[in-house]
Amino acid sequence: MKKLIFMLMVCSLFAEKVESAEEIKITQESNVLVYTNLFWAPCKEAKMLLQSRGIDYSTKLVTFSKKKSIREMAKKTGGNTSIPQIFVDDKYFGGLLELKEYYKEK
């Protein structure tokens, strides 16, 4: 556990600057990647919301390779390890809350 916390702290120090979800536009032409878990309701909800808007997406499962996927995701998100985590055109968008807020405004 201590190693994971340390790793997350280090990742947050060296993570690329992430853009605000408000600056990112999701369109049907967007390349959307969702870090997801097979058995987690928020992941299913995020995918269903994208589908309802006609957005195609690809997934990266963290279900079976948690350590490696969590490290990779933490580095790309600036330390966020909750799922789902969403990337649009290789830019960090956020999680389910950001996605709901984004579509609430539309």
N, C-alpha and C. Protein backbone atom coordinates (compact mmCIF):
# COMPACT_ATOMS: atom_id res chain seq x y z
N MET A 1 0.82 -1.19 0.00
CA MET A 1 0.00 0.00 0.00
C MET A 1 0.87 1.26 0.00
N LYS A 2 1.94 1.25 0.82
CA LYS A 2 2.83 2.39 0.87
C LYS A 2 3.49 2.64 -0.47
N LYS A 3 3.84 1.55 -1.17
CA LYS A 3 4.46 1.69 -2.48
C LYS A 3 3.50 2.34 -3.48
N LEU A 4 2.23 1.95 -3.43
CA LEU A 4 1.23 2.52 -4.33
C LEU A 4 1.05 4.01 -4.06
N ILE A 5 0.97 4.39 -2.80
CA ILE A 5 0.81 5.80 -2.45
C ILE A 5 2.03 6.60 -2.92
N PHE A 6 3.22 6.07 -2.68
CA PHE A 6 4.44 6.74 -3.13
C PHE A 6 4.44 6.88 -4.65
N MET A 7 4.08 5.80 -5.34
CA MET A 7 4.06 5.82 -6.79
C MET A 7 3.09 6.89 -7.31
N LEU A 8 1.93 7.00 -6.68
CA LEU A 8 0.95 8.00 -7.10
C LEU A 8 1.47 9.41 -6.87
N MET A 9 2.19 9.60 -5.77
CA MET A 9 2.76 10.92 -5.50
C MET A 9 3.81 11.27 -6.55
N VAL A 10 4.65 10.32 -6.90
CA VAL A 10 5.68 10.55 -7.90
C VAL A 10 5.04 10.80 -9.26
N CYS A 11 4.03 10.03 -9.61
CA CYS A 11 3.34 10.21 -10.88
C CYS A 11 2.73 11.60 -10.98
N SER A 12 2.17 12.06 -9.89
CA SER A 12 1.53 13.38 -9.94
C SER A 12 2.56 14.48 -10.13
N LEU A 13 3.79 14.27 -9.68
CA LEU A 13 4.83 15.26 -9.86
C LEU A 13 5.30 15.34 -11.31
N PHE A 14 5.33 14.19 -11.97
CA PHE A 14 5.87 14.14 -13.31
C PHE A 14 4.81 14.03 -14.40
N ALA A 15 3.56 14.04 -14.03
CA ALA A 15 2.49 13.90 -15.01
C ALA A 15 2.46 15.11 -15.93
N GLU A 16 2.07 14.83 -17.16
CA GLU A 16 1.92 15.92 -18.12
C GLU A 16 0.79 16.83 -17.64
N LYS A 17 0.88 18.10 -18.04
CA LYS A 17 -0.18 19.03 -17.70
C LYS A 17 -1.45 18.54 -18.39
N VAL A 18 -2.50 18.35 -17.62
CA VAL A 18 -3.75 17.89 -18.19
C VAL A 18 -4.66 19.08 -18.43
N GLU A 19 -5.35 19.04 -19.55
CA GLU A 19 -6.26 20.11 -19.88
C GLU A 19 -7.55 19.95 -19.10
N SER A 20 -8.24 21.03 -18.96
CA SER A 20 -9.54 21.00 -18.30
C SER A 20 -10.54 20.33 -19.23
N ALA A 21 -11.45 19.55 -18.66
CA ALA A 21 -12.49 18.90 -19.47
C ALA A 21 -13.32 19.93 -20.21
N GLU A 22 -13.40 21.14 -19.67
CA GLU A 22 -14.18 22.19 -20.31
C GLU A 22 -13.56 22.60 -21.64
N GLU A 23 -12.26 22.41 -21.81
CA GLU A 23 -11.56 22.79 -23.03
C GLU A 23 -11.65 21.72 -24.10
N ILE A 24 -12.11 20.55 -23.77
CA ILE A 24 -12.14 19.42 -24.70
C ILE A 24 -13.56 19.23 -25.22
N LYS A 25 -13.68 19.08 -26.51
CA LYS A 25 -14.98 18.84 -27.15
C LYS A 25 -15.07 17.38 -27.58
N ILE A 26 -16.18 16.75 -27.28
CA ILE A 26 -16.41 15.37 -27.70
C ILE A 26 -17.35 15.39 -28.89
N THR A 27 -16.88 14.90 -30.01
CA THR A 27 -17.72 14.80 -31.21
C THR A 27 -17.71 13.36 -31.70
N GLN A 28 -18.52 13.08 -32.68
CA GLN A 28 -18.57 11.73 -33.23
C GLN A 28 -17.27 11.37 -33.93
N GLU A 29 -16.47 12.36 -34.27
CA GLU A 29 -15.17 12.10 -34.90
C GLU A 29 -14.05 11.93 -33.87
N SER A 30 -14.33 12.20 -32.61
CA SER A 30 -13.31 12.11 -31.56
C SER A 30 -12.85 10.67 -31.34
N ASN A 31 -11.60 10.56 -30.98
CA ASN A 31 -11.03 9.27 -30.58
C ASN A 31 -11.13 9.19 -29.06
N VAL A 32 -12.07 8.40 -28.56
CA VAL A 32 -12.36 8.34 -27.12
C VAL A 32 -11.87 7.00 -26.56
N LEU A 33 -11.11 7.09 -25.46
CA LEU A 33 -10.62 5.90 -24.76
C LEU A 33 -11.14 5.95 -23.33
N VAL A 34 -11.70 4.84 -22.87
CA VAL A 34 -12.23 4.75 -21.51
C VAL A 34 -11.49 3.65 -20.76
N TYR A 35 -10.80 4.02 -19.68
CA TYR A 35 -10.25 3.02 -18.77
C TYR A 35 -11.43 2.52 -17.95
N THR A 36 -11.62 1.22 -17.95
CA THR A 36 -12.85 0.67 -17.38
C THR A 36 -12.61 -0.64 -16.67
N ASN A 37 -13.62 -1.06 -15.93
CA ASN A 37 -13.64 -2.33 -15.22
C ASN A 37 -14.92 -3.04 -15.65
N LEU A 38 -14.85 -4.32 -15.89
CA LEU A 38 -16.02 -5.07 -16.35
C LEU A 38 -17.19 -5.02 -15.37
N PHE A 39 -16.90 -4.96 -14.09
CA PHE A 39 -17.93 -5.17 -13.09
C PHE A 39 -18.26 -3.92 -12.29
N TRP A 40 -18.01 -2.73 -12.81
CA TRP A 40 -18.19 -1.50 -12.05
C TRP A 40 -19.28 -0.66 -12.70
N ALA A 41 -20.35 -0.39 -11.96
CA ALA A 41 -21.50 0.34 -12.49
C ALA A 41 -21.16 1.71 -13.07
N PRO A 42 -20.29 2.52 -12.44
CA PRO A 42 -19.96 3.81 -13.03
C PRO A 42 -19.33 3.71 -14.42
N CYS A 43 -18.56 2.65 -14.65
CA CYS A 43 -17.97 2.44 -15.97
C CYS A 43 -19.06 2.16 -16.99
N LYS A 44 -19.99 1.30 -16.63
CA LYS A 44 -21.10 0.99 -17.51
C LYS A 44 -21.92 2.24 -17.81
N GLU A 45 -22.13 3.06 -16.80
CA GLU A 45 -22.90 4.29 -16.98
C GLU A 45 -22.20 5.25 -17.95
N ALA A 46 -20.89 5.39 -17.81
CA ALA A 46 -20.12 6.27 -18.70
C ALA A 46 -20.21 5.78 -20.15
N LYS A 47 -20.06 4.48 -20.34
CA LYS A 47 -20.12 3.92 -21.69
C LYS A 47 -21.52 4.07 -22.29
N MET A 48 -22.54 3.88 -21.46
CA MET A 48 -23.91 4.04 -21.95
C MET A 48 -24.20 5.50 -22.33
N LEU A 49 -23.66 6.43 -21.56
CA LEU A 49 -23.85 7.84 -21.86
C LEU A 49 -23.18 8.20 -23.18
N LEU A 50 -21.98 7.71 -23.40
CA LEU A 50 -21.30 7.95 -24.67
C LEU A 50 -22.08 7.33 -25.82
N GLN A 51 -22.54 6.10 -25.64
CA GLN A 51 -23.32 5.43 -26.68
C GLN A 51 -24.60 6.19 -26.99
N SER A 52 -25.27 6.72 -25.97
CA SER A 52 -26.52 7.43 -26.18
C SER A 52 -26.32 8.70 -26.99
N ARG A 53 -25.10 9.22 -27.00
CA ARG A 53 -24.77 10.42 -27.78
C ARG A 53 -24.15 10.07 -29.12
N GLY A 54 -24.10 8.78 -29.44
CA GLY A 54 -23.54 8.35 -30.72
C GLY A 54 -22.03 8.42 -30.79
N ILE A 55 -21.38 8.36 -29.65
CA ILE A 55 -19.92 8.46 -29.60
C ILE A 55 -19.33 7.05 -29.55
N ASP A 56 -18.50 6.74 -30.54
CA ASP A 56 -17.76 5.48 -30.52
C ASP A 56 -16.57 5.65 -29.58
N TYR A 57 -16.20 4.58 -28.90
CA TYR A 57 -15.10 4.64 -27.95
C TYR A 57 -14.41 3.29 -27.92
N SER A 58 -13.18 3.31 -27.47
CA SER A 58 -12.47 2.06 -27.20
C SER A 58 -12.25 1.99 -25.69
N THR A 59 -11.99 0.79 -25.22
CA THR A 59 -11.82 0.61 -23.78
C THR A 59 -10.46 0.01 -23.47
N LYS A 60 -9.98 0.32 -22.30
CA LYS A 60 -8.77 -0.30 -21.76
C LYS A 60 -9.19 -0.89 -20.42
N LEU A 61 -9.27 -2.21 -20.37
CA LEU A 61 -9.71 -2.89 -19.15
C LEU A 61 -8.62 -2.88 -18.09
N VAL A 62 -8.99 -2.52 -16.88
CA VAL A 62 -8.06 -2.61 -15.75
C VAL A 62 -8.42 -3.79 -14.87
N THR A 63 -9.43 -4.53 -15.26
CA THR A 63 -9.94 -5.64 -14.46
C THR A 63 -8.89 -6.71 -14.21
N PHE A 64 -8.14 -7.07 -15.22
CA PHE A 64 -7.25 -8.22 -15.10
C PHE A 64 -5.77 -7.87 -14.99
N SER A 65 -5.42 -6.63 -15.23
CA SER A 65 -4.02 -6.19 -15.11
C SER A 65 -3.97 -4.90 -14.31
N LYS A 66 -4.50 -4.98 -13.10
CA LYS A 66 -4.69 -3.77 -12.29
C LYS A 66 -3.40 -2.99 -12.04
N LYS A 67 -2.35 -3.64 -11.60
CA LYS A 67 -1.13 -2.92 -11.25
C LYS A 67 -0.60 -2.11 -12.43
N LYS A 68 -0.40 -2.78 -13.54
CA LYS A 68 0.17 -2.13 -14.71
C LYS A 68 -0.77 -1.05 -15.24
N SER A 69 -2.05 -1.36 -15.35
CA SER A 69 -3.01 -0.40 -15.90
C SER A 69 -3.20 0.80 -14.98
N ILE A 70 -3.21 0.57 -13.68
CA ILE A 70 -3.38 1.67 -12.72
C ILE A 70 -2.17 2.59 -12.78
N ARG A 71 -0.96 2.03 -12.86
CA ARG A 71 0.25 2.86 -12.98
C ARG A 71 0.19 3.71 -14.24
N GLU A 72 -0.16 3.09 -15.34
CA GLU A 72 -0.25 3.79 -16.62
C GLU A 72 -1.30 4.90 -16.55
N MET A 73 -2.47 4.57 -16.00
CA MET A 73 -3.56 5.53 -15.90
C MET A 73 -3.18 6.68 -14.98
N ALA A 74 -2.55 6.39 -13.84
CA ALA A 74 -2.15 7.43 -12.90
C ALA A 74 -1.17 8.41 -13.54
N LYS A 75 -0.26 7.88 -14.31
CA LYS A 75 0.70 8.74 -15.00
C LYS A 75 0.01 9.66 -16.00
N LYS A 76 -0.95 9.13 -16.73
CA LYS A 76 -1.64 9.91 -17.76
C LYS A 76 -2.65 10.90 -17.18
N THR A 77 -3.15 10.64 -15.97
CA THR A 77 -4.19 11.50 -15.40
C THR A 77 -3.67 12.46 -14.35
N GLY A 78 -2.41 12.37 -14.04
CA GLY A 78 -1.88 13.22 -12.98
C GLY A 78 -2.15 12.65 -11.60
N GLY A 79 -2.40 11.35 -11.52
CA GLY A 79 -2.58 10.69 -10.23
C GLY A 79 -3.95 10.11 -9.98
N ASN A 80 -4.92 10.40 -10.82
CA ASN A 80 -6.27 9.85 -10.63
C ASN A 80 -6.28 8.36 -10.96
N THR A 81 -6.80 7.56 -10.03
CA THR A 81 -6.83 6.12 -10.23
C THR A 81 -8.23 5.53 -10.15
N SER A 82 -9.22 6.37 -9.95
CA SER A 82 -10.59 5.85 -9.94
C SER A 82 -11.00 5.56 -11.38
N ILE A 83 -11.95 4.70 -11.52
CA ILE A 83 -12.44 4.39 -12.87
C ILE A 83 -13.93 4.67 -12.93
N PRO A 84 -14.43 5.08 -14.07
CA PRO A 84 -13.76 5.22 -15.35
C PRO A 84 -12.91 6.49 -15.42
N GLN A 85 -11.92 6.46 -16.29
CA GLN A 85 -11.15 7.64 -16.67
C GLN A 85 -11.23 7.73 -18.18
N ILE A 86 -11.48 8.93 -18.68
CA ILE A 86 -11.80 9.11 -20.10
C ILE A 86 -10.77 10.04 -20.75
N PHE A 87 -10.33 9.65 -21.93
CA PHE A 87 -9.41 10.44 -22.74
C PHE A 87 -10.07 10.71 -24.09
N VAL A 88 -9.95 11.94 -24.55
CA VAL A 88 -10.52 12.33 -25.83
C VAL A 88 -9.39 12.88 -26.69
N ASP A 89 -9.17 12.25 -27.84
CA ASP A 89 -8.08 12.63 -28.74
C ASP A 89 -6.75 12.74 -27.98
N ASP A 90 -6.47 11.73 -27.17
CA ASP A 90 -5.24 11.62 -26.38
C ASP A 90 -5.09 12.71 -25.33
N LYS A 91 -6.16 13.39 -24.98
CA LYS A 91 -6.13 14.40 -23.91
C LYS A 91 -7.01 13.90 -22.78
N TYR A 92 -6.54 14.11 -21.56
CA TYR A 92 -7.30 13.67 -20.39
C TYR A 92 -8.55 14.51 -20.23
N PHE A 93 -9.70 13.83 -20.18
CA PHE A 93 -10.99 14.49 -20.04
C PHE A 93 -11.48 14.46 -18.60
N GLY A 94 -11.40 13.31 -17.95
CA GLY A 94 -11.87 13.16 -16.58
C GLY A 94 -12.58 11.84 -16.41
N GLY A 95 -13.46 11.80 -15.41
CA GLY A 95 -14.20 10.58 -15.11
C GLY A 95 -15.69 10.75 -15.40
N LEU A 96 -16.48 9.92 -14.74
CA LEU A 96 -17.93 9.93 -14.96
C LEU A 96 -18.55 11.27 -14.59
N LEU A 97 -18.13 11.86 -13.49
CA LEU A 97 -18.71 13.14 -13.07
C LEU A 97 -18.48 14.23 -14.12
N GLU A 98 -17.28 14.29 -14.66
CA GLU A 98 -16.99 15.28 -15.69
C GLU A 98 -17.80 15.02 -16.96
N LEU A 99 -17.97 13.74 -17.29
CA LEU A 99 -18.76 13.39 -18.47
C LEU A 99 -20.22 13.79 -18.29
N LYS A 100 -20.77 13.51 -17.12
CA LYS A 100 -22.17 13.90 -16.84
C LYS A 100 -22.33 15.42 -16.91
N GLU A 101 -21.40 16.13 -16.32
CA GLU A 101 -21.44 17.59 -16.32
C GLU A 101 -21.33 18.13 -17.74
N TYR A 102 -20.46 17.54 -18.54
CA TYR A 102 -20.27 17.95 -19.93
C TYR A 102 -21.58 17.84 -20.70
N TYR A 103 -22.26 16.70 -20.57
CA TYR A 103 -23.50 16.51 -21.32
C TYR A 103 -24.69 17.23 -20.69
N LYS A 104 -24.59 17.54 -19.43
CA LYS A 104 -25.65 18.31 -18.76
C LYS A 104 -25.73 19.71 -19.37
N GLU A 105 -24.57 20.26 -19.73
CA GLU A 105 -24.50 21.59 -20.31
C GLU A 105 -24.91 21.60 -21.78
N LYS A 106 -24.92 20.48 -22.43
CA LYS A 106 -25.21 20.42 -23.87
C LYS A 106 -26.70 20.32 -24.13
